Amino acid sequence: IRKRTSFSTISVREYYQTLGDNPSCLEGAPVSLDWTYKYEKSVSLDEYENSRQQRRRRSELILGADERRKLLIGNGLPIMEVIRA
């Protein structure tokens, strides 16, 4: 018996970002995804594949301490909480 799985639609969620607890973050406040999300939408798999951006390189996924601080403060976290992290 040959088993197959297929998908026709996928759900895409965009999550809020919040102060994290990653111990490998040596400088500045770590960033994590929050439990709550901004929105969710369902799209066909073909539509998603045709419209998604090219995969980013590993080096493009790294945020420096200043970028993380600005992101967290921009998301409404108190400045002192971000500085203490």
C-alpha atoms as a PDB file:
ATOM      1  CA  ILE A   1       0.000   0.000   0.000  1.00  0.00           C
ATOM      2  CA  ARG A   2       1.412   3.342  -1.039  1.00  0.00           C
ATOM      3  CA  LYS A   3       0.415   6.271   1.152  1.00  0.00           C
ATOM      4  CA  ARG A   4       0.142   9.843  -0.093  1.00  0.00           C
ATOM      5  CA  THR A   5      -0.499  13.161   1.536  1.00  0.00           C
ATOM      6  CA  SER A   6      -1.497  16.320  -0.277  1.00  0.00           C
ATOM      7  CA  PHE A   7      -2.440  19.864   0.656  1.00  0.00           C
ATOM      8  CA  SER A   8      -4.674  22.340  -1.100  1.00  0.00           C
ATOM      9  CA  THR A   9      -4.730  25.271   1.344  1.00  0.00           C
ATOM     10  CA  ILE A  10      -2.461  26.486   4.089  1.00  0.00           C
ATOM     11  CA  SER A  11      -2.986  28.849   7.002  1.00  0.00           C
ATOM     12  CA  VAL A  12      -0.463  31.645   7.420  1.00  0.00           C
ATOM     13  CA  ARG A  13      -0.161  33.474  10.751  1.00  0.00           C
ATOM     14  CA  GLU A  14       1.842  36.570  11.553  1.00  0.00           C
ATOM     15  CA  TYR A  15       2.890  36.603  15.193  1.00  0.00           C
ATOM     16  CA  TYR A  16       3.790  39.535  17.405  1.00  0.00           C
ATOM     17  CA  GLN A  17       7.399  39.709  18.572  1.00  0.00           C
ATOM     18  CA  THR A  18       8.217  40.136  22.244  1.00  0.00           C
ATOM     19  CA  LEU A  19      11.056  40.021  24.755  1.00  0.00           C
ATOM     20  CA  GLY A  20      12.602  36.564  24.760  1.00  0.00           C
ATOM     21  CA  ASP A  21      14.699  34.416  27.065  1.00  0.00           C
ATOM     22  CA  ASN A  22      17.279  32.913  24.719  1.00  0.00           C
ATOM     23  CA  PRO A  23      20.463  32.345  26.760  1.00  0.00           C
ATOM     24  CA  SER A  24      22.667  32.333  23.639  1.00  0.00           C
ATOM     25  CA  CYS A  25      21.928  36.023  23.052  1.00  0.00           C
ATOM     26  CA  LEU A  26      25.177  37.477  24.375  1.00  0.00           C
ATOM     27  CA  GLU A  27      24.480  41.182  23.839  1.00  0.00           C
ATOM     28  CA  GLY A  28      21.193  43.041  24.126  1.00  0.00           C
ATOM     29  CA  ALA A  29      17.674  41.791  24.610  1.00  0.00           C
ATOM     30  CA  PRO A  30      16.608  38.548  22.888  1.00  0.00           C
ATOM     31  CA  VAL A  31      13.490  38.521  20.695  1.00  0.00           C
ATOM     32  CA  SER A  32      10.869  35.747  20.644  1.00  0.00           C
ATOM     33  CA  LEU A  33       7.514  35.192  19.002  1.00  0.00           C
ATOM     34  CA  ASP A  34       4.567  35.995  21.256  1.00  0.00           C
ATOM     35  CA  TRP A  35       1.757  33.489  21.832  1.00  0.00           C
ATOM     36  CA  THR A  36      -0.788  35.792  20.206  1.00  0.00           C
ATOM     37  CA  TYR A  37      -0.831  36.533  16.521  1.00  0.00           C
ATOM     38  CA  LYS A  38      -1.806  39.592  14.491  1.00  0.00           C
ATOM     39  CA  TYR A  39      -3.814  37.799  11.864  1.00  0.00           C
ATOM     40  CA  GLU A  40      -4.359  34.501  10.117  1.00  0.00           C
ATOM     41  CA  LYS A  41      -5.270  33.943   6.509  1.00  0.00           C
ATOM     42  CA  SER A  42      -5.881  30.855   4.432  1.00  0.00           C
ATOM     43  CA  VAL A  43      -4.504  30.696   0.913  1.00  0.00           C
ATOM     44  CA  SER A  44      -4.191  27.996  -1.687  1.00  0.00           C
ATOM     45  CA  LEU A  45      -0.866  26.246  -1.704  1.00  0.00           C
ATOM     46  CA  ASP A  46      -0.273  27.280  -5.323  1.00  0.00           C
ATOM     47  CA  GLU A  47      -1.007  30.941  -4.530  1.00  0.00           C
ATOM     48  CA  TYR A  48       1.386  30.833  -1.574  1.00  0.00           C
ATOM     49  CA  GLU A  49       4.193  29.228  -3.570  1.00  0.00           C
ATOM     50  CA  ASN A  50       3.778  31.725  -6.422  1.00  0.00           C
ATOM     51  CA  SER A  51       3.799  34.805  -4.174  1.00  0.00           C
ATOM     52  CA  ARG A  52       6.314  33.962  -1.453  1.00  0.00           C
ATOM     53  CA  GLN A  53       9.675  35.654  -1.356  1.00  0.00           C
ATOM     54  CA  GLN A  54      12.929  33.890  -2.028  1.00  0.00           C
ATOM     55  CA  ARG A  55      14.455  32.197   1.028  1.00  0.00           C
ATOM     56  CA  ARG A  56      16.802  34.446   2.964  1.00  0.00           C
ATOM     57  CA  ARG A  57      20.392  33.496   3.672  1.00  0.00           C
ATOM     58  CA  ARG A  58      21.299  32.630   7.263  1.00  0.00           C
ATOM     59  CA  SER A  59      23.237  35.894   7.652  1.00  0.00           C
ATOM     60  CA  GLU A  60      20.097  37.864   6.725  1.00  0.00           C
ATOM     61  CA  LEU A  61      18.174  36.310   9.638  1.00  0.00           C
ATOM     62  CA  ILE A  62      20.483  37.694  12.339  1.00  0.00           C
ATOM     63  CA  LEU A  63      19.410  40.878  14.136  1.00  0.00           C
ATOM     64  CA  GLY A  64      22.011  42.971  15.930  1.00  0.00           C
ATOM     65  CA  ALA A  65      21.466  44.252  19.486  1.00  0.00           C
ATOM     66  CA  ASP A  66      20.413  47.725  18.244  1.00  0.00           C
ATOM     67  CA  GLU A  67      17.935  46.270  15.747  1.00  0.00           C
ATOM     68  CA  ARG A  68      16.397  44.040  18.429  1.00  0.00           C
ATOM     69  CA  ARG A  69      16.133  46.937  20.889  1.00  0.00           C
ATOM     70  CA  LYS A  70      14.398  49.168  18.315  1.00  0.00           C
ATOM     71  CA  LEU A  71      12.058  46.349  17.301  1.00  0.00           C
ATOM     72  CA  LEU A  72      11.012  45.621  20.896  1.00  0.00           C
ATOM     73  CA  ILE A  73      10.522  49.282  21.827  1.00  0.00           C
ATOM     74  CA  GLY A  74       8.632  49.810  18.563  1.00  0.00           C
ATOM     75  CA  ASN A  75       6.344  46.937  19.566  1.00  0.00           C
ATOM     76  CA  GLY A  76       5.426  48.785  22.757  1.00  0.00           C
ATOM     77  CA  LEU A  77       7.679  47.216  25.374  1.00  0.00           C
ATOM     78  CA  PRO A  78       8.849  49.608  28.102  1.00  0.00           C
ATOM     79  CA  ILE A  79      12.355  50.928  27.437  1.00  0.00           C
ATOM     80  CA  MET A  80      13.628  49.998  30.913  1.00  0.00           C
ATOM     81  CA  GLU A  81      12.374  46.411  30.524  1.00  0.00           C
ATOM     82  CA  VAL A  82      14.280  46.073  27.242  1.00  0.00           C
ATOM     83  CA  ILE A  83      17.445  47.610  28.706  1.00  0.00           C
ATOM     84  CA  ARG A  84      17.371  45.272  31.760  1.00  0.00           C
ATOM     85  CA  ALA A  85      16.993  42.141  29.603  1.00  0.00           C
END
